[in-house]
Amino acid sequence: AAANLSDGKVLTWSAYDRFNFDQFGVNGET
């Protein structure tokens, strides 16, 4: 996912791991 920031940069994120996801979010981190 991504969001535009007011300074023109873009905030992006993955999930609990840099390259994998868990639908149920058991690790509670990103």
Full PDB file with SEQRES, HELIX, SHEET, SSBOND, CRYST1, ORIGX, SCALE, CONECT and MASTER records, all heavy atoms in Angstrom:
SEQRES   1 A   30  ALA ALA ALA ASN LEU SER ASP GLY LYS VAL LEU THR TRP          
SEQRES   2 A   30  SER ALA TYR ASP ARG PHE ASN PHE ASP GLN PHE GLY VAL          
SEQRES   3 A   30  ASN GLY GLU THR                                              
SHEET    1 AA1 2 ALA A   2  ASN A   4  0                                        
SHEET    2 AA1 2 VAL A  10  THR A  12 -1                                        
CRYST1    1.000    1.000    1.000  90.00  90.00  90.00 P 1           1          
ORIGX1      1.000000  0.000000  0.000000        0.00000                         
ORIGX2      0.000000  1.000000  0.000000        0.00000                         
ORIGX3      0.000000  0.000000  1.000000        0.00000                         
SCALE1      1.000000  0.000000  0.000000        0.00000                         
SCALE2      0.000000  1.000000  0.000000        0.00000                         
SCALE3      0.000000  0.000000  1.000000        0.00000                         
ATOM      1  N   ALA A   1       0.847  -1.189   0.000  1.00  0.00           N  
ATOM      2  CA  ALA A   1       0.000   0.000   0.000  1.00  0.00           C  
ATOM      3  C   ALA A   1       0.882   1.238   0.000  1.00  0.00           C  
ATOM      4  O   ALA A   1       2.073   1.182   0.299  1.00  0.00           O  
ATOM      5  CB  ALA A   1      -0.917   0.004   1.228  1.00  0.00           C  
ATOM      6  N   ALA A   2       0.274   2.368  -0.354  1.00  0.00           N  
ATOM      7  CA  ALA A   2       1.025   3.615  -0.441  1.00  0.00           C  
ATOM      8  C   ALA A   2       0.101   4.787  -0.179  1.00  0.00           C  
ATOM      9  O   ALA A   2      -1.108   4.702  -0.363  1.00  0.00           O  
ATOM     10  CB  ALA A   2       1.676   3.749  -1.823  1.00  0.00           C  
ATOM     11  N   ALA A   3       0.705   5.908   0.252  1.00  0.00           N  
ATOM     12  CA  ALA A   3      -0.045   7.141   0.471  1.00  0.00           C  
ATOM     13  C   ALA A   3       0.839   8.323   0.119  1.00  0.00           C  
ATOM     14  O   ALA A   3       2.032   8.350   0.467  1.00  0.00           O  
ATOM     15  CB  ALA A   3      -0.515   7.244   1.925  1.00  0.00           C  
ATOM     16  N   ASN A   4       0.279   9.296  -0.585  1.00  0.00           N  
ATOM     17  CA  ASN A   4       1.029  10.509  -0.918  1.00  0.00           C  
ATOM     18  C   ASN A   4       1.213  11.366   0.325  1.00  0.00           C  
ATOM     19  O   ASN A   4       0.269  11.586   1.087  1.00  0.00           O  
ATOM     20  CB  ASN A   4       0.285  11.319  -1.979  1.00  0.00           C  
ATOM     21  CG  ASN A   4       0.260  10.624  -3.320  1.00  0.00           C  
ATOM     22  OD1 ASN A   4       1.243  10.015  -3.723  1.00  0.00           O  
ATOM     23  ND2 ASN A   4      -0.858  10.707  -4.020  1.00  0.00           N  
ATOM     24  N   LEU A   5       2.427  11.875   0.522  1.00  0.00           N  
ATOM     25  CA  LEU A   5       2.713  12.792   1.610  1.00  0.00           C  
ATOM     26  C   LEU A   5       2.713  14.230   1.094  1.00  0.00           C  
ATOM     27  O   LEU A   5       2.890  14.473  -0.102  1.00  0.00           O  
ATOM     28  CB  LEU A   5       4.058  12.456   2.255  1.00  0.00           C  
ATOM     29  CG  LEU A   5       4.170  11.044   2.846  1.00  0.00           C  
ATOM     30  CD1 LEU A   5       5.574  10.814   3.402  1.00  0.00           C  
ATOM     31  CD2 LEU A   5       3.126  10.819   3.932  1.00  0.00           C  
ATOM     32  N   SER A   6       2.532  15.170   1.989  1.00  0.00           N  
ATOM     33  CA  SER A   6       2.395  16.569   1.589  1.00  0.00           C  
ATOM     34  C   SER A   6       3.683  17.148   1.013  1.00  0.00           C  
ATOM     35  O   SER A   6       3.641  18.168   0.323  1.00  0.00           O  
ATOM     36  CB  SER A   6       1.929  17.413   2.783  1.00  0.00           C  
ATOM     37  OG  SER A   6       2.818  17.265   3.882  1.00  0.00           O  
ATOM     38  N   ASP A   7       4.832  16.529   1.271  1.00  0.00           N  
ATOM     39  CA  ASP A   7       6.093  17.027   0.731  1.00  0.00           C  
ATOM     40  C   ASP A   7       6.433  16.424  -0.629  1.00  0.00           C  
ATOM     41  O   ASP A   7       7.529  16.634  -1.162  1.00  0.00           O  
ATOM     42  CB  ASP A   7       7.244  16.777   1.711  1.00  0.00           C  
ATOM     43  CG  ASP A   7       7.485  15.296   1.977  1.00  0.00           C  
ATOM     44  OD1 ASP A   7       6.775  14.444   1.394  1.00  0.00           O  
ATOM     45  OD2 ASP A   7       8.385  14.981   2.793  1.00  0.00           O  
ATOM     46  N   GLY A   8       5.495  15.659  -1.226  1.00  0.00           N  
ATOM     47  CA  GLY A   8       5.707  15.069  -2.534  1.00  0.00           C  
ATOM     48  C   GLY A   8       6.290  13.674  -2.501  1.00  0.00           C  
ATOM     49  O   GLY A   8       6.354  13.004  -3.537  1.00  0.00           O  
ATOM     50  N   LYS A   9       6.708  13.216  -1.337  1.00  0.00           N  
ATOM     51  CA  LYS A   9       7.208  11.863  -1.217  1.00  0.00           C  
ATOM     52  C   LYS A   9       6.045  10.884  -1.037  1.00  0.00           C  
ATOM     53  O   LYS A   9       4.901  11.296  -0.866  1.00  0.00           O  
ATOM     54  CB  LYS A   9       8.200  11.759  -0.057  1.00  0.00           C  
ATOM     55  CG  LYS A   9       9.464  12.603  -0.263  1.00  0.00           C  
ATOM     56  CD  LYS A   9      10.432  12.467   0.902  1.00  0.00           C  
ATOM     57  CE  LYS A   9      11.670  13.332   0.691  1.00  0.00           C  
ATOM     58  NZ  LYS A   9      12.628  13.222   1.819  1.00  0.00           N  
ATOM     59  N   VAL A  10       6.347   9.600  -1.074  1.00  0.00           N  
ATOM     60  CA  VAL A  10       5.319   8.561  -0.988  1.00  0.00           C  
ATOM     61  C   VAL A  10       5.650   7.628   0.165  1.00  0.00           C  
ATOM     62  O   VAL A  10       6.757   7.069   0.229  1.00  0.00           O  
ATOM     63  CB  VAL A  10       5.220   7.761  -2.299  1.00  0.00           C  
ATOM     64  CG1 VAL A  10       4.116   6.712  -2.192  1.00  0.00           C  
ATOM     65  CG2 VAL A  10       4.955   8.688  -3.482  1.00  0.00           C  
ATOM     66  N   LEU A  11       4.705   7.454   1.066  1.00  0.00           N  
ATOM     67  CA  LEU A  11       4.825   6.500   2.167  1.00  0.00           C  
ATOM     68  C   LEU A  11       4.343   5.140   1.679  1.00  0.00           C  
ATOM     69  O   LEU A  11       3.225   5.016   1.171  1.00  0.00           O  
ATOM     70  CB  LEU A  11       3.979   6.966   3.350  1.00  0.00           C  
ATOM     71  CG  LEU A  11       3.859   6.023   4.539  1.00  0.00           C  
ATOM     72  CD1 LEU A  11       5.194   5.886   5.268  1.00  0.00           C  
ATOM     73  CD2 LEU A  11       2.773   6.499   5.496  1.00  0.00           C  
ATOM     74  N   THR A  12       5.179   4.123   1.792  1.00  0.00           N  
ATOM     75  CA  THR A  12       4.775   2.767   1.407  1.00  0.00           C  
ATOM     76  C   THR A  12       4.995   1.819   2.579  1.00  0.00           C  
ATOM     77  O   THR A  12       5.759   2.107   3.493  1.00  0.00           O  
ATOM     78  CB  THR A  12       5.587   2.247   0.192  1.00  0.00           C  
ATOM     79  OG1 THR A  12       6.909   1.878   0.606  1.00  0.00           O  
ATOM     80  CG2 THR A  12       5.668   3.291  -0.900  1.00  0.00           C  
ATOM     81  N   TRP A  13       4.307   0.684   2.535  1.00  0.00           N  
ATOM     82  CA  TRP A  13       4.544  -0.341   3.560  1.00  0.00           C  
ATOM     83  C   TRP A  13       4.185  -1.715   3.039  1.00  0.00           C  
ATOM     84  O   TRP A  13       3.432  -1.869   2.083  1.00  0.00           O  
ATOM     85  CB  TRP A  13       3.793  -0.030   4.853  1.00  0.00           C  
ATOM     86  CG  TRP A  13       2.297   0.057   4.769  1.00  0.00           C  
ATOM     87  CD1 TRP A  13       1.388  -0.947   4.914  1.00  0.00           C  
ATOM     88  CD2 TRP A  13       1.526   1.253   4.549  1.00  0.00           C  
ATOM     89  NE1 TRP A  13       0.114  -0.472   4.809  1.00  0.00           N  
ATOM     90  CE2 TRP A  13       0.170   0.881   4.585  1.00  0.00           C  
ATOM     91  CE3 TRP A  13       1.849   2.590   4.320  1.00  0.00           C  
ATOM     92  CZ2 TRP A  13      -0.872   1.805   4.386  1.00  0.00           C  
ATOM     93  CZ3 TRP A  13       0.822   3.506   4.133  1.00  0.00           C  
ATOM     94  CH2 TRP A  13      -0.513   3.104   4.172  1.00  0.00           C  
ATOM     95  N   SER A  14       4.767  -2.720   3.689  1.00  0.00           N  
ATOM     96  CA  SER A  14       4.472  -4.109   3.337  1.00  0.00           C  
ATOM     97  C   SER A  14       3.543  -4.670   4.390  1.00  0.00           C  
ATOM     98  O   SER A  14       2.474  -4.132   4.649  1.00  0.00           O  
ATOM     99  CB  SER A  14       5.768  -4.914   3.233  1.00  0.00           C  
ATOM    100  OG  SER A  14       6.465  -4.894   4.463  1.00  0.00           O  
ATOM    101  N   ALA A  15       3.941  -5.753   5.050  1.00  0.00           N  
ATOM    102  CA  ALA A  15       3.129  -6.341   6.118  1.00  0.00           C  
ATOM    103  C   ALA A  15       4.080  -6.797   7.204  1.00  0.00           C  
ATOM    104  O   ALA A  15       5.088  -6.149   7.448  1.00  0.00           O  
ATOM    105  CB  ALA A  15       2.277  -7.484   5.571  1.00  0.00           C  
ATOM    106  N   TYR A  16       3.772  -7.920   7.856  1.00  0.00           N  
ATOM    107  CA  TYR A  16       4.620  -8.359   8.967  1.00  0.00           C  
ATOM    108  C   TYR A  16       6.022  -8.743   8.483  1.00  0.00           C  
ATOM    109  O   TYR A  16       6.968  -8.803   9.260  1.00  0.00           O  
ATOM    110  CB  TYR A  16       3.974  -9.530   9.702  1.00  0.00           C  
ATOM    111  CG  TYR A  16       4.185 -10.869   9.019  1.00  0.00           C  
ATOM    112  CD1 TYR A  16       5.251 -11.706   9.378  1.00  0.00           C  
ATOM    113  CD2 TYR A  16       3.338 -11.299   8.004  1.00  0.00           C  
ATOM    114  CE1 TYR A  16       5.451 -12.925   8.755  1.00  0.00           C  
ATOM    115  CE2 TYR A  16       3.537 -12.511   7.373  1.00  0.00           C  
ATOM    116  CZ  TYR A  16       4.583 -13.321   7.748  1.00  0.00           C  
ATOM    117  OH  TYR A  16       4.777 -14.506   7.115  1.00  0.00           O  
ATOM    118  N   ASP A  17       6.149  -9.005   7.182  1.00  0.00           N  
ATOM    119  CA  ASP A  17       7.423  -9.360   6.592  1.00  0.00           C  
ATOM    120  C   ASP A  17       7.638  -8.477   5.364  1.00  0.00           C  
ATOM    121  O   ASP A  17       6.671  -7.972   4.786  1.00  0.00           O  
ATOM    122  CB  ASP A  17       7.423 -10.845   6.193  1.00  0.00           C  
ATOM    123  CG  ASP A  17       8.741 -11.298   5.624  1.00  0.00           C  
ATOM    124  OD1 ASP A  17       9.662 -11.578   6.411  1.00  0.00           O  
ATOM    125  OD2 ASP A  17       8.864 -11.361   4.388  1.00  0.00           O  
ATOM    126  N   ARG A  18       8.881  -8.298   4.962  1.00  0.00           N  
ATOM    127  CA  ARG A  18       9.153  -7.458   3.800  1.00  0.00           C  
ATOM    128  C   ARG A  18       8.500  -7.996   2.526  1.00  0.00           C  
ATOM    129  O   ARG A  18       8.122  -7.228   1.647  1.00  0.00           O  
ATOM    130  CB  ARG A  18      10.662  -7.339   3.584  1.00  0.00           C  
ATOM    131  CG  ARG A  18      11.386  -6.518   4.639  1.00  0.00           C  
ATOM    132  CD  ARG A  18      12.873  -6.412   4.282  1.00  0.00           C  
ATOM    133  NE  ARG A  18      13.584  -5.576   5.237  1.00  0.00           N  
ATOM    134  CZ  ARG A  18      14.134  -6.014   6.356  1.00  0.00           C  
ATOM    135  NH1 ARG A  18      14.021  -7.306   6.667  1.00  0.00           N  
ATOM    136  NH2 ARG A  18      14.776  -5.200   7.155  1.00  0.00           N  
ATOM    137  N   PHE A  19       8.364  -9.329   2.429  1.00  0.00           N  
ATOM    138  CA  PHE A  19       7.920  -9.921   1.179  1.00  0.00           C  
ATOM    139  C   PHE A  19       6.727 -10.870   1.316  1.00  0.00           C  
ATOM    140  O   PHE A  19       6.303 -11.453   0.327  1.00  0.00           O  
ATOM    141  CB  PHE A  19       9.084 -10.683   0.525  1.00  0.00           C  
ATOM    142  CG  PHE A  19      10.331  -9.858   0.371  1.00  0.00           C  
ATOM    143  CD1 PHE A  19      11.459 -10.143   1.102  1.00  0.00           C  
ATOM    144  CD2 PHE A  19      10.355  -8.785  -0.501  1.00  0.00           C  
ATOM    145  CE1 PHE A  19      12.610  -9.380   0.976  1.00  0.00           C  
ATOM    146  CE2 PHE A  19      11.492  -8.006  -0.647  1.00  0.00           C  
ATOM    147  CZ  PHE A  19      12.620  -8.298   0.093  1.00  0.00           C  
ATOM    148  N   ASN A  20       6.192 -11.041   2.518  1.00  0.00           N  
ATOM    149  CA  ASN A  20       5.094 -11.969   2.732  1.00  0.00           C  
ATOM    150  C   ASN A  20       4.000 -11.324   3.572  1.00  0.00           C  
ATOM    151  O   ASN A  20       4.213 -10.290   4.196  1.00  0.00           O  
ATOM    152  CB  ASN A  20       5.591 -13.237   3.443  1.00  0.00           C  
ATOM    153  CG  ASN A  20       6.576 -14.013   2.614  1.00  0.00           C  
ATOM    154  OD1 ASN A  20       6.229 -14.547   1.568  1.00  0.00           O  
ATOM    155  ND2 ASN A  20       7.831 -14.083   3.065  1.00  0.00           N  
ATOM    156  N   PHE A  21       2.829 -11.951   3.561  1.00  0.00           N  
ATOM    157  CA  PHE A  21       1.717 -11.432   4.344  1.00  0.00           C  
ATOM    158  C   PHE A  21       1.000 -12.575   5.039  1.00  0.00           C  
ATOM    159  O   PHE A  21       1.125 -13.735   4.663  1.00  0.00           O  
ATOM    160  CB  PHE A  21       0.740 -10.652   3.464  1.00  0.00           C  
ATOM    161  CG  PHE A  21      -0.137 -11.520   2.588  1.00  0.00           C  
ATOM    162  CD1 PHE A  21      -1.437 -11.841   2.985  1.00  0.00           C  
ATOM    163  CD2 PHE A  21       0.315 -12.013   1.376  1.00  0.00           C  
ATOM    164  CE1 PHE A  21      -2.246 -12.642   2.190  1.00  0.00           C  
ATOM    165  CE2 PHE A  21      -0.483 -12.820   0.579  1.00  0.00           C  
ATOM    166  CZ  PHE A  21      -1.762 -13.129   0.983  1.00  0.00           C  
ATOM    167  N   ASP A  22       0.239 -12.213   6.064  1.00  0.00           N  
ATOM    168  CA  ASP A  22      -0.620 -13.155   6.780  1.00  0.00           C  
ATOM    169  C   ASP A  22      -1.969 -12.461   6.925  1.00  0.00           C  
ATOM    170  O   ASP A  22      -2.057 -11.394   7.532  1.00  0.00           O  
ATOM    171  CB  ASP A  22      -0.031 -13.474   8.150  1.00  0.00           C  
ATOM    172  CG  ASP A  22      -0.834 -14.517   8.914  1.00  0.00           C  
ATOM    173  OD1 ASP A  22      -2.071 -14.571   8.718  1.00  0.00           O  
ATOM    174  OD2 ASP A  22      -0.253 -15.253   9.718  1.00  0.00           O  
ATOM    175  N   GLN A  23      -3.011 -13.036   6.342  1.00  0.00           N  
ATOM    176  CA  GLN A  23      -4.319 -12.380   6.354  1.00  0.00           C  
ATOM    177  C   GLN A  23      -4.782 -12.031   7.758  1.00  0.00           C  
ATOM    178  O   GLN A  23      -5.484 -11.041   7.970  1.00  0.00           O  
ATOM    179  CB  GLN A  23      -5.368 -13.261   5.677  1.00  0.00           C  
ATOM    180  CG  GLN A  23      -6.769 -12.646   5.715  1.00  0.00           C  
ATOM    181  CD  GLN A  23      -7.784 -13.490   4.971  1.00  0.00           C  
ATOM    182  OE1 GLN A  23      -7.431 -14.320   4.153  1.00  0.00           O  
ATOM    183  NE2 GLN A  23      -9.056 -13.271   5.253  1.00  0.00           N  
ATOM    184  N   PHE A  24      -4.370 -12.801   8.750  1.00  0.00           N  
ATOM    185  CA  PHE A  24      -4.897 -12.630  10.099  1.00  0.00           C  
ATOM    186  C   PHE A  24      -3.987 -11.800  11.001  1.00  0.00           C  
ATOM    187  O   PHE A  24      -4.292 -11.589  12.161  1.00  0.00           O  
ATOM    188  CB  PHE A  24      -5.185 -13.995  10.719  1.00  0.00           C  
ATOM    189  CG  PHE A  24      -6.132 -14.805   9.894  1.00  0.00           C  
ATOM    190  CD1 PHE A  24      -5.662 -15.838   9.099  1.00  0.00           C  
ATOM    191  CD2 PHE A  24      -7.490 -14.497   9.862  1.00  0.00           C  
ATOM    192  CE1 PHE A  24      -6.536 -16.570   8.311  1.00  0.00           C  
ATOM    193  CE2 PHE A  24      -8.368 -15.225   9.067  1.00  0.00           C  
ATOM    194  CZ  PHE A  24      -7.887 -16.258   8.291  1.00  0.00           C  
ATOM    195  N   GLY A  25      -2.874 -11.305  10.481  1.00  0.00           N  
ATOM    196  CA  GLY A  25      -2.065 -10.338  11.200  1.00  0.00           C  
ATOM    197  C   GLY A  25      -1.590 -10.782  12.562  1.00  0.00           C  
ATOM    198  O   GLY A  25      -1.563  -9.993  13.505  1.00  0.00           O  
ATOM    199  N   VAL A  26      -1.181 -12.041  12.684  1.00  0.00           N  
ATOM    200  CA  VAL A  26      -0.844 -12.566  14.005  1.00  0.00           C  
ATOM    201  C   VAL A  26       0.410 -11.916  14.597  1.00  0.00           C  
ATOM    202  O   VAL A  26       0.608 -11.930  15.810  1.00  0.00           O  
ATOM    203  CB  VAL A  26      -0.667 -14.099  13.950  1.00  0.00           C  
ATOM    204  CG1 VAL A  26      -1.982 -14.756  13.619  1.00  0.00           C  
ATOM    205  CG2 VAL A  26       0.393 -14.495  12.913  1.00  0.00           C  
ATOM    206  N   ASN A  27       1.266 -11.351  13.758  1.00  0.00           N  
ATOM    207  CA  ASN A  27       2.508 -10.777  14.269  1.00  0.00           C  
ATOM    208  C   ASN A  27       2.364  -9.314  14.676  1.00  0.00           C  
ATOM    209  O   ASN A  27       3.218  -8.787  15.372  1.00  0.00           O  
ATOM    210  CB  ASN A  27       3.624 -10.910  13.225  1.00  0.00           C  
ATOM    211  CG  ASN A  27       4.063 -12.357  13.053  1.00  0.00           C  
ATOM    212  OD1 ASN A  27       4.674 -12.929  13.930  1.00  0.00           O  
ATOM    213  ND2 ASN A  27       3.715 -12.944  11.931  1.00  0.00           N  
ATOM    214  N   GLY A  28       1.330  -8.630  14.222  1.00  0.00           N  
ATOM    215  CA  GLY A  28       1.079  -7.266  14.653  1.00  0.00           C  
ATOM    216  C   GLY A  28       2.223  -6.313  14.385  1.00  0.00           C  
ATOM    217  O   GLY A  28       2.574  -5.499  15.243  1.00  0.00           O  
ATOM    218  N   GLU A  29       2.825  -6.393  13.195  1.00  0.00           N  
ATOM    219  CA  GLU A  29       3.913  -5.499  12.838  1.00  0.00           C  
ATOM    220  C   GLU A  29       3.900  -5.290  11.333  1.00  0.00           C  
ATOM    221  O   GLU A  29       3.250  -6.033  10.592  1.00  0.00           O  
ATOM    222  CB  GLU A  29       5.269  -6.070  13.276  1.00  0.00           C  
ATOM    223  CG  GLU A  29       5.592  -7.408  12.633  1.00  0.00           C  
ATOM    224  CD  GLU A  29       6.855  -8.047  13.188  1.00  0.00           C  
ATOM    225  OE1 GLU A  29       7.056  -7.943  14.408  1.00  0.00           O  
ATOM    226  OE2 GLU A  29       7.613  -8.643  12.409  1.00  0.00           O  
ATOM    227  N   THR A  30       4.646  -4.276  10.894  1.00  0.00           N  
ATOM    228  CA  THR A  30       4.695  -3.979   9.465  1.00  0.00           C  
ATOM    229  C   THR A  30       5.988  -3.243   9.159  1.00  0.00           C  
ATOM    230  O   THR A  30       6.643  -2.695  10.039  1.00  0.00           O  
ATOM    231  CB  THR A  30       3.475  -3.146   9.037  1.00  0.00           C  
ATOM    232  OG1 THR A  30       3.417  -3.075   7.623  1.00  0.00           O  
ATOM    233  CG2 THR A  30       3.521  -1.741   9.585  1.00  0.00           C  
TER     234      THR A  30                                                      
MASTER        0    0    0    0    2    0    0    6  233    1    0    3          
END                                                                             
